[in-house]
Amino acid sequence: MLDVLTLVTGVAALLLAAWCGWAAYRDQPTKDWHFIGMAVVTLLALVQLVVGIVQLARGEKPEQGTTIFVAYLLGSLACVPAAAFMSLAERTRWGSVTVAASGVVLAVLEVRLFDIWRG
Protein backbone atom coordinates (compact mmCIF):
# COMPACT_ATOMS: atom_id res chain seq x y z
CA MET A 1 0.00 0.00 0.00
CA LEU A 2 1.22 3.46 -0.61
CA ASP A 3 1.73 4.91 2.83
CA VAL A 4 1.48 8.48 1.58
CA LEU A 5 -1.85 7.82 -0.15
CA THR A 6 -3.25 6.25 3.01
CA LEU A 7 -2.10 9.22 5.07
CA VAL A 8 -3.47 11.78 2.59
CA THR A 9 -6.83 10.00 2.40
CA GLY A 10 -7.11 9.81 6.18
CA VAL A 11 -6.20 13.47 6.66
CA ALA A 12 -8.62 14.54 3.92
CA ALA A 13 -11.36 12.50 5.59
CA LEU A 14 -10.69 14.18 8.94
CA LEU A 15 -10.71 17.60 7.30
CA LEU A 16 -14.07 16.78 5.71
CA ALA A 17 -15.34 15.62 9.11
CA ALA A 18 -14.23 18.86 10.75
CA TRP A 19 -15.76 20.97 7.97
CA CYS A 20 -19.11 19.21 8.09
CA GLY A 21 -18.99 19.13 11.87
CA TRP A 22 -18.58 22.91 11.83
CA ALA A 23 -21.60 23.19 9.51
CA ALA A 24 -23.62 21.01 11.90
CA TYR A 25 -22.52 23.16 14.84
CA ARG A 26 -23.83 26.20 12.95
CA ASP A 27 -27.11 24.34 12.31
CA GLN A 28 -26.57 24.09 8.53
CA PRO A 29 -27.22 21.21 6.13
CA THR A 30 -24.62 20.01 3.66
CA LYS A 31 -24.16 22.40 0.77
CA ASP A 32 -22.65 22.19 -2.71
CA TRP A 33 -19.15 22.92 -1.40
CA HIS A 34 -19.43 20.03 1.01
CA PHE A 35 -20.33 17.72 -1.86
CA ILE A 36 -17.23 18.84 -3.73
CA GLY A 37 -15.19 17.93 -0.65
CA MET A 38 -16.93 14.56 -0.47
CA ALA A 39 -16.11 13.97 -4.14
CA VAL A 40 -12.43 14.71 -3.52
CA VAL A 41 -12.28 12.31 -0.58
CA THR A 42 -14.14 9.66 -2.58
CA LEU A 43 -11.72 10.10 -5.47
CA LEU A 44 -8.80 9.54 -3.09
CA ALA A 45 -10.48 6.36 -1.82
CA LEU A 46 -11.01 5.22 -5.42
CA VAL A 47 -7.34 5.80 -6.26
CA GLN A 48 -6.43 3.82 -3.16
CA LEU A 49 -8.68 0.96 -4.27
CA VAL A 50 -7.05 0.89 -7.71
CA VAL A 51 -3.53 1.02 -6.25
CA GLY A 52 -4.39 -1.75 -3.79
CA ILE A 53 -5.75 -3.99 -6.54
CA VAL A 54 -2.71 -3.32 -8.73
CA GLN A 55 -0.41 -4.26 -5.89
CA LEU A 56 -2.36 -7.45 -5.29
CA ALA A 57 -2.19 -8.25 -9.02
CA ARG A 58 1.60 -7.81 -8.90
CA GLY A 59 1.80 -10.52 -6.28
CA GLU A 60 2.23 -8.39 -3.17
CA LYS A 61 0.25 -9.70 -0.23
CA PRO A 62 -1.13 -7.97 2.85
CA GLU A 63 0.08 -9.40 6.13
CA GLN A 64 -3.40 -10.10 7.52
CA GLY A 65 -5.08 -11.56 4.44
CA THR A 66 -6.24 -10.51 1.01
CA THR A 67 -9.97 -10.95 1.62
CA ILE A 68 -10.13 -8.63 4.59
CA PHE A 69 -7.89 -6.13 2.80
CA VAL A 70 -10.18 -5.97 -0.24
CA ALA A 71 -13.24 -5.75 2.01
CA TYR A 72 -11.75 -2.75 3.81
CA LEU A 73 -10.84 -1.12 0.50
CA LEU A 74 -14.42 -1.49 -0.72
CA GLY A 75 -15.80 -0.23 2.59
CA SER A 76 -13.50 2.79 2.40
CA LEU A 77 -14.76 3.57 -1.06
CA ALA A 78 -18.44 3.27 -0.08
CA CYS A 79 -18.30 5.14 3.23
CA VAL A 80 -18.48 8.78 2.13
CA PRO A 81 -20.82 8.35 -0.88
CA ALA A 82 -23.32 6.52 1.33
CA ALA A 83 -23.26 9.39 3.79
CA ALA A 84 -23.62 11.87 0.92
CA PHE A 85 -26.84 10.21 -0.20
CA MET A 86 -28.11 10.11 3.35
CA SER A 87 -27.34 13.82 3.79
CA LEU A 88 -29.40 14.56 0.68
CA ALA A 89 -32.36 12.83 2.30
CA GLU A 90 -31.84 14.69 5.58
CA ARG A 91 -31.57 18.37 4.68
CA THR A 92 -30.98 19.55 8.25
CA ARG A 93 -27.92 19.78 10.45
CA TRP A 94 -28.15 16.00 10.91
CA GLY A 95 -27.15 15.53 7.29
CA SER A 96 -23.94 17.38 8.09
CA VAL A 97 -23.48 15.24 11.20
CA THR A 98 -23.83 12.11 9.06
CA VAL A 99 -21.10 13.25 6.67
CA ALA A 100 -18.86 14.29 9.57
CA ALA A 101 -19.28 10.84 11.09
CA SER A 102 -18.43 9.19 7.78
CA GLY A 103 -15.20 11.20 7.63
CA VAL A 104 -14.19 9.92 11.05
CA VAL A 105 -15.14 6.36 10.06
CA LEU A 106 -13.09 6.64 6.87
CA ALA A 107 -10.06 7.86 8.82
CA VAL A 108 -10.37 4.85 11.14
CA LEU A 109 -10.70 2.55 8.12
CA GLU A 110 -7.48 4.05 6.73
CA VAL A 111 -5.63 3.25 9.94
CA ARG A 112 -6.98 -0.28 9.80
CA LEU A 113 -5.98 -0.66 6.13
CA PHE A 114 -2.44 0.36 7.03
CA ASP A 115 -2.47 -2.18 9.85
CA ILE A 116 -3.80 -4.97 7.61
CA TRP A 117 -1.15 -4.30 4.96
CA ARG A 118 1.80 -4.02 7.37
CA GLY A 119 0.72 -6.63 9.88
C-alpha atoms as a PDB file:
ATOM      1  CA  MET A   1       0.000   0.000   0.000  1.00  0.00           C
ATOM      2  CA  LEU A   2       1.216   3.460  -0.609  1.00  0.00           C
ATOM      3  CA  ASP A   3       1.728   4.911   2.832  1.00  0.00           C
ATOM      4  CA  VAL A   4       1.482   8.478   1.580  1.00  0.00           C
ATOM      5  CA  LEU A   5      -1.846   7.819  -0.148  1.00  0.00           C
ATOM      6  CA  THR A   6      -3.248   6.252   3.011  1.00  0.00           C
ATOM      7  CA  LEU A   7      -2.103   9.223   5.066  1.00  0.00           C
ATOM      8  CA  VAL A   8      -3.472  11.782   2.591  1.00  0.00           C
ATOM      9  CA  THR A   9      -6.832  10.002   2.398  1.00  0.00           C
ATOM     10  CA  GLY A  10      -7.106   9.813   6.181  1.00  0.00           C
ATOM     11  CA  VAL A  11      -6.199  13.466   6.662  1.00  0.00           C
ATOM     12  CA  ALA A  12      -8.620  14.535   3.915  1.00  0.00           C
ATOM     13  CA  ALA A  13     -11.361  12.498   5.593  1.00  0.00           C
ATOM     14  CA  LEU A  14     -10.685  14.182   8.938  1.00  0.00           C
ATOM     15  CA  LEU A  15     -10.712  17.601   7.296  1.00  0.00           C
ATOM     16  CA  LEU A  16     -14.071  16.780   5.712  1.00  0.00           C
ATOM     17  CA  ALA A  17     -15.337  15.621   9.106  1.00  0.00           C
ATOM     18  CA  ALA A  18     -14.234  18.861  10.750  1.00  0.00           C
ATOM     19  CA  TRP A  19     -15.757  20.969   7.972  1.00  0.00           C
ATOM     20  CA  CYS A  20     -19.113  19.209   8.086  1.00  0.00           C
ATOM     21  CA  GLY A  21     -18.990  19.133  11.870  1.00  0.00           C
ATOM     22  CA  TRP A  22     -18.576  22.911  11.834  1.00  0.00           C
ATOM     23  CA  ALA A  23     -21.600  23.190   9.514  1.00  0.00           C
ATOM     24  CA  ALA A  24     -23.617  21.011  11.899  1.00  0.00           C
ATOM     25  CA  TYR A  25     -22.520  23.161  14.838  1.00  0.00           C
ATOM     26  CA  ARG A  26     -23.829  26.198  12.948  1.00  0.00           C
ATOM     27  CA  ASP A  27     -27.109  24.336  12.306  1.00  0.00           C
ATOM     28  CA  GLN A  28     -26.565  24.086   8.533  1.00  0.00           C
ATOM     29  CA  PRO A  29     -27.218  21.209   6.130  1.00  0.00           C
ATOM     30  CA  THR A  30     -24.618  20.012   3.662  1.00  0.00           C
ATOM     31  CA  LYS A  31     -24.159  22.399   0.767  1.00  0.00           C
ATOM     32  CA  ASP A  32     -22.654  22.191  -2.709  1.00  0.00           C
ATOM     33  CA  TRP A  33     -19.149  22.920  -1.398  1.00  0.00           C
ATOM     34  CA  HIS A  34     -19.427  20.031   1.013  1.00  0.00           C
ATOM     35  CA  PHE A  35     -20.334  17.717  -1.856  1.00  0.00           C
ATOM     36  CA  ILE A  36     -17.228  18.838  -3.732  1.00  0.00           C
ATOM     37  CA  GLY A  37     -15.191  17.932  -0.652  1.00  0.00           C
ATOM     38  CA  MET A  38     -16.933  14.565  -0.468  1.00  0.00           C
ATOM     39  CA  ALA A  39     -16.109  13.973  -4.141  1.00  0.00           C
ATOM     40  CA  VAL A  40     -12.426  14.711  -3.524  1.00  0.00           C
ATOM     41  CA  VAL A  41     -12.279  12.310  -0.578  1.00  0.00           C
ATOM     42  CA  THR A  42     -14.138   9.660  -2.575  1.00  0.00           C
ATOM     43  CA  LEU A  43     -11.721  10.105  -5.469  1.00  0.00           C
ATOM     44  CA  LEU A  44      -8.802   9.538  -3.087  1.00  0.00           C
ATOM     45  CA  ALA A  45     -10.478   6.356  -1.820  1.00  0.00           C
ATOM     46  CA  LEU A  46     -11.012   5.218  -5.418  1.00  0.00           C
ATOM     47  CA  VAL A  47      -7.343   5.805  -6.256  1.00  0.00           C
ATOM     48  CA  GLN A  48      -6.428   3.825  -3.162  1.00  0.00           C
ATOM     49  CA  LEU A  49      -8.680   0.964  -4.275  1.00  0.00           C
ATOM     50  CA  VAL A  50      -7.053   0.889  -7.708  1.00  0.00           C
ATOM     51  CA  VAL A  51      -3.533   1.025  -6.250  1.00  0.00           C
ATOM     52  CA  GLY A  52      -4.385  -1.755  -3.795  1.00  0.00           C
ATOM     53  CA  ILE A  53      -5.753  -3.994  -6.541  1.00  0.00           C
ATOM     54  CA  VAL A  54      -2.709  -3.316  -8.735  1.00  0.00           C
ATOM     55  CA  GLN A  55      -0.406  -4.256  -5.886  1.00  0.00           C
ATOM     56  CA  LEU A  56      -2.360  -7.451  -5.294  1.00  0.00           C
ATOM     57  CA  ALA A  57      -2.192  -8.251  -9.018  1.00  0.00           C
ATOM     58  CA  ARG A  58       1.597  -7.812  -8.896  1.00  0.00           C
ATOM     59  CA  GLY A  59       1.803 -10.522  -6.279  1.00  0.00           C
ATOM     60  CA  GLU A  60       2.226  -8.393  -3.168  1.00  0.00           C
ATOM     61  CA  LYS A  61       0.248  -9.704  -0.228  1.00  0.00           C
ATOM     62  CA  PRO A  62      -1.127  -7.966   2.852  1.00  0.00           C
ATOM     63  CA  GLU A  63       0.082  -9.405   6.133  1.00  0.00           C
ATOM     64  CA  GLN A  64      -3.401 -10.102   7.520  1.00  0.00           C
ATOM     65  CA  GLY A  65      -5.082 -11.563   4.439  1.00  0.00           C
ATOM     66  CA  THR A  66      -6.238 -10.512   1.012  1.00  0.00           C
ATOM     67  CA  THR A  67      -9.965 -10.949   1.618  1.00  0.00           C
ATOM     68  CA  ILE A  68     -10.125  -8.626   4.588  1.00  0.00           C
ATOM     69  CA  PHE A  69      -7.887  -6.130   2.795  1.00  0.00           C
ATOM     70  CA  VAL A  70     -10.184  -5.969  -0.245  1.00  0.00           C
ATOM     71  CA  ALA A  71     -13.244  -5.754   2.012  1.00  0.00           C
ATOM     72  CA  TYR A  72     -11.752  -2.749   3.815  1.00  0.00           C
ATOM     73  CA  LEU A  73     -10.837  -1.122   0.496  1.00  0.00           C
ATOM     74  CA  LEU A  74     -14.423  -1.490  -0.724  1.00  0.00           C
ATOM     75  CA  GLY A  75     -15.801  -0.230   2.586  1.00  0.00           C
ATOM     76  CA  SER A  76     -13.501   2.787   2.399  1.00  0.00           C
ATOM     77  CA  LEU A  77     -14.764   3.571  -1.064  1.00  0.00           C
ATOM     78  CA  ALA A  78     -18.443   3.271  -0.083  1.00  0.00           C
ATOM     79  CA  CYS A  79     -18.297   5.137   3.232  1.00  0.00           C
ATOM     80  CA  VAL A  80     -18.481   8.783   2.130  1.00  0.00           C
ATOM     81  CA  PRO A  81     -20.817   8.351  -0.882  1.00  0.00           C
ATOM     82  CA  ALA A  82     -23.324   6.515   1.327  1.00  0.00           C
ATOM     83  CA  ALA A  83     -23.258   9.394   3.789  1.00  0.00           C
ATOM     84  CA  ALA A  84     -23.616  11.872   0.924  1.00  0.00           C
ATOM     85  CA  PHE A  85     -26.843  10.214  -0.203  1.00  0.00           C
ATOM     86  CA  MET A  86     -28.106  10.113   3.354  1.00  0.00           C
ATOM     87  CA  SER A  87     -27.342  13.816   3.792  1.00  0.00           C
ATOM     88  CA  LEU A  88     -29.398  14.559   0.679  1.00  0.00           C
ATOM     89  CA  ALA A  89     -32.355  12.830   2.295  1.00  0.00           C
ATOM     90  CA  GLU A  90     -31.845  14.690   5.577  1.00  0.00           C
ATOM     91  CA  ARG A  91     -31.571  18.375   4.681  1.00  0.00           C
ATOM     92  CA  THR A  92     -30.983  19.547   8.250  1.00  0.00           C
ATOM     93  CA  ARG A  93     -27.922  19.776  10.450  1.00  0.00           C
ATOM     94  CA  TRP A  94     -28.149  16.004  10.909  1.00  0.00           C
ATOM     95  CA  GLY A  95     -27.154  15.530   7.288  1.00  0.00           C
ATOM     96  CA  SER A  96     -23.937  17.383   8.092  1.00  0.00           C
ATOM     97  CA  VAL A  97     -23.476  15.244  11.203  1.00  0.00           C
ATOM     98  CA  THR A  98     -23.833  12.113   9.062  1.00  0.00           C
ATOM     99  CA  VAL A  99     -21.101  13.252   6.673  1.00  0.00           C
ATOM    100  CA  ALA A 100     -18.862  14.289   9.565  1.00  0.00           C
ATOM    101  CA  ALA A 101     -19.284  10.842  11.093  1.00  0.00           C
ATOM    102  CA  SER A 102     -18.426   9.193   7.784  1.00  0.00           C
ATOM    103  CA  GLY A 103     -15.204  11.204   7.629  1.00  0.00           C
ATOM    104  CA  VAL A 104     -14.190   9.916  11.045  1.00  0.00           C
ATOM    105  CA  VAL A 105     -15.144   6.364  10.055  1.00  0.00           C
ATOM    106  CA  LEU A 106     -13.088   6.637   6.868  1.00  0.00           C
ATOM    107  CA  ALA A 107     -10.065   7.863   8.824  1.00  0.00           C
ATOM    108  CA  VAL A 108     -10.370   4.850  11.139  1.00  0.00           C
ATOM    109  CA  LEU A 109     -10.696   2.546   8.119  1.00  0.00           C
ATOM    110  CA  GLU A 110      -7.484   4.049   6.731  1.00  0.00           C
ATOM    111  CA  VAL A 111      -5.633   3.248   9.939  1.00  0.00           C
ATOM    112  CA  ARG A 112      -6.983  -0.284   9.800  1.00  0.00           C
ATOM    113  CA  LEU A 113      -5.981  -0.663   6.129  1.00  0.00           C
ATOM    114  CA  PHE A 114      -2.439   0.363   7.029  1.00  0.00           C
ATOM    115  CA  ASP A 115      -2.467  -2.181   9.849  1.00  0.00           C
ATOM    116  CA  ILE A 116      -3.796  -4.965   7.609  1.00  0.00           C
ATOM    117  CA  TRP A 117      -1.153  -4.296   4.965  1.00  0.00           C
ATOM    118  CA  ARG A 118       1.801  -4.024   7.367  1.00  0.00           C
ATOM    119  CA  GLY A 119       0.723  -6.626   9.883  1.00  0.00           C
END
